[in-house]
Amino acid sequence: MKFLLLLGLFLLVVWLVSRARRGSTRVDPPQAPTEPPTVEEATREDIVACLHCGLHLPQSEALAAPDGWFCGQAHRLAHEKSAAP
């Protein structure tokens, strides 16, 4: 009977020690941030200024010219007329 009690106590100590060692050596890999981009970041666009009037507008809505960006066809033509000699 004394032998079984000592064997049980020994197994309990071995189990506790192995559990403590396993917990202290466990290394969880660092997790990369998985946050999706916000709507603002996903729809961000460059803003340009009209060379004629200085209006700021998204690049997709502006008219491109060799000189720069314009808010409309009328301002592009006006700038060309004022820049012509």
C-alpha atoms as a PDB file:
ATOM      1  CA  MET A   1       0.000   0.000   0.000  1.00  0.00           C
ATOM      2  CA  LYS A   2       2.831   2.360   0.877  1.00  0.00           C
ATOM      3  CA  PHE A   3       4.426   1.584  -2.501  1.00  0.00           C
ATOM      4  CA  LEU A   4       1.262   2.573  -4.441  1.00  0.00           C
ATOM      5  CA  LEU A   5       0.976   5.822  -2.497  1.00  0.00           C
ATOM      6  CA  LEU A   6       4.604   6.744  -3.250  1.00  0.00           C
ATOM      7  CA  LEU A   7       4.172   5.751  -6.911  1.00  0.00           C
ATOM      8  CA  GLY A   8       1.053   7.957  -7.200  1.00  0.00           C
ATOM      9  CA  LEU A   9       2.841  10.863  -5.527  1.00  0.00           C
ATOM     10  CA  PHE A  10       5.818  10.433  -7.849  1.00  0.00           C
ATOM     11  CA  LEU A  11       3.590  10.380 -10.944  1.00  0.00           C
ATOM     12  CA  LEU A  12       1.752  13.476  -9.710  1.00  0.00           C
ATOM     13  CA  VAL A  13       5.039  15.373  -9.276  1.00  0.00           C
ATOM     14  CA  VAL A  14       6.261  14.278 -12.723  1.00  0.00           C
ATOM     15  CA  TRP A  15       2.961  15.383 -14.286  1.00  0.00           C
ATOM     16  CA  LEU A  16       3.057  18.800 -12.562  1.00  0.00           C
ATOM     17  CA  VAL A  17       6.690  19.400 -13.551  1.00  0.00           C
ATOM     18  CA  SER A  18       6.091  18.429 -17.182  1.00  0.00           C
ATOM     19  CA  ARG A  19       2.983  20.620 -17.312  1.00  0.00           C
ATOM     20  CA  ALA A  20       4.891  23.585 -15.866  1.00  0.00           C
ATOM     21  CA  ARG A  21       7.766  23.131 -18.339  1.00  0.00           C
ATOM     22  CA  ARG A  22       5.430  22.789 -21.290  1.00  0.00           C
ATOM     23  CA  GLY A  23       3.650  26.020 -20.355  1.00  0.00           C
ATOM     24  CA  SER A  24       6.840  28.026 -19.950  1.00  0.00           C
ATOM     25  CA  THR A  25       8.464  26.895 -23.214  1.00  0.00           C
ATOM     26  CA  ARG A  26       5.438  27.432 -25.414  1.00  0.00           C
ATOM     27  CA  VAL A  27       6.149  30.237 -27.852  1.00  0.00           C
ATOM     28  CA  ASP A  28       3.232  31.564 -29.831  1.00  0.00           C
ATOM     29  CA  PRO A  29       4.233  33.013 -33.194  1.00  0.00           C
ATOM     30  CA  PRO A  30       3.546  36.723 -33.529  1.00  0.00           C
ATOM     31  CA  GLN A  31       0.340  37.382 -35.388  1.00  0.00           C
ATOM     32  CA  ALA A  32       0.320  39.847 -38.232  1.00  0.00           C
ATOM     33  CA  PRO A  33      -2.387  42.481 -38.123  1.00  0.00           C
ATOM     34  CA  THR A  34      -5.349  41.301 -40.157  1.00  0.00           C
ATOM     35  CA  GLU A  35      -7.385  44.498 -40.120  1.00  0.00           C
ATOM     36  CA  PRO A  36      -8.854  45.263 -43.524  1.00  0.00           C
ATOM     37  CA  PRO A  37      -8.263  48.739 -44.909  1.00  0.00           C
ATOM     38  CA  THR A  38     -10.899  51.278 -44.007  1.00  0.00           C
ATOM     39  CA  VAL A  39     -13.249  52.632 -46.644  1.00  0.00           C
ATOM     40  CA  GLU A  40     -11.382  55.929 -46.550  1.00  0.00           C
ATOM     41  CA  GLU A  41      -8.051  54.221 -47.283  1.00  0.00           C
ATOM     42  CA  ALA A  42      -9.533  52.060 -50.038  1.00  0.00           C
ATOM     43  CA  THR A  43     -11.031  55.067 -51.853  1.00  0.00           C
ATOM     44  CA  ARG A  44      -8.162  57.508 -51.357  1.00  0.00           C
ATOM     45  CA  GLU A  45      -7.330  59.464 -54.498  1.00  0.00           C
ATOM     46  CA  ASP A  46      -4.913  62.253 -55.428  1.00  0.00           C
ATOM     47  CA  ILE A  47      -6.269  65.786 -55.348  1.00  0.00           C
ATOM     48  CA  VAL A  48      -5.171  68.272 -58.025  1.00  0.00           C
ATOM     49  CA  ALA A  49      -5.751  72.004 -58.462  1.00  0.00           C
ATOM     50  CA  CYS A  50      -7.129  73.699 -61.561  1.00  0.00           C
ATOM     51  CA  LEU A  51      -4.421  75.894 -63.103  1.00  0.00           C
ATOM     52  CA  HIS A  52      -6.979  78.541 -64.073  1.00  0.00           C
ATOM     53  CA  CYS A  53      -9.106  79.007 -60.947  1.00  0.00           C
ATOM     54  CA  GLY A  54      -7.261  76.992 -58.272  1.00  0.00           C
ATOM     55  CA  LEU A  55     -10.214  74.691 -57.497  1.00  0.00           C
ATOM     56  CA  HIS A  56      -9.120  71.432 -55.830  1.00  0.00           C
ATOM     57  CA  LEU A  57     -10.761  68.281 -57.175  1.00  0.00           C
ATOM     58  CA  PRO A  58     -10.059  64.532 -57.451  1.00  0.00           C
ATOM     59  CA  GLN A  59      -7.680  63.640 -60.259  1.00  0.00           C
ATOM     60  CA  SER A  60     -10.259  61.315 -61.832  1.00  0.00           C
ATOM     61  CA  GLU A  61     -12.633  64.277 -62.338  1.00  0.00           C
ATOM     62  CA  ALA A  62     -10.006  66.703 -63.674  1.00  0.00           C
ATOM     63  CA  LEU A  63      -9.005  67.274 -67.287  1.00  0.00           C
ATOM     64  CA  ALA A  64      -5.341  66.677 -68.035  1.00  0.00           C
ATOM     65  CA  ALA A  65      -3.383  69.033 -70.284  1.00  0.00           C
ATOM     66  CA  PRO A  66       0.326  69.392 -71.043  1.00  0.00           C
ATOM     67  CA  ASP A  67       0.506  72.333 -68.615  1.00  0.00           C
ATOM     68  CA  GLY A  68      -1.372  70.672 -65.754  1.00  0.00           C
ATOM     69  CA  TRP A  69      -4.900  69.948 -64.541  1.00  0.00           C
ATOM     70  CA  PHE A  70      -8.142  71.818 -65.133  1.00  0.00           C
ATOM     71  CA  CYS A  71     -11.618  71.611 -63.608  1.00  0.00           C
ATOM     72  CA  GLY A  72     -13.362  71.815 -66.963  1.00  0.00           C
ATOM     73  CA  GLN A  73     -12.996  72.308 -70.676  1.00  0.00           C
ATOM     74  CA  ALA A  74     -13.819  76.042 -70.439  1.00  0.00           C
ATOM     75  CA  HIS A  75     -10.975  76.697 -67.986  1.00  0.00           C
ATOM     76  CA  ARG A  76      -8.555  74.678 -70.090  1.00  0.00           C
ATOM     77  CA  LEU A  77      -9.421  76.774 -73.149  1.00  0.00           C
ATOM     78  CA  ALA A  78      -9.277  80.033 -71.144  1.00  0.00           C
ATOM     79  CA  HIS A  79      -5.833  79.136 -69.814  1.00  0.00           C
ATOM     80  CA  GLU A  80      -4.607  78.314 -73.329  1.00  0.00           C
ATOM     81  CA  LYS A  81      -5.893  81.670 -74.623  1.00  0.00           C
ATOM     82  CA  SER A  82      -4.304  83.629 -71.773  1.00  0.00           C
ATOM     83  CA  ALA A  83      -0.984  81.795 -72.169  1.00  0.00           C
ATOM     84  CA  ALA A  84      -0.838  82.287 -75.951  1.00  0.00           C
ATOM     85  CA  PRO A  85       1.425  85.154 -77.120  1.00  0.00           C
END
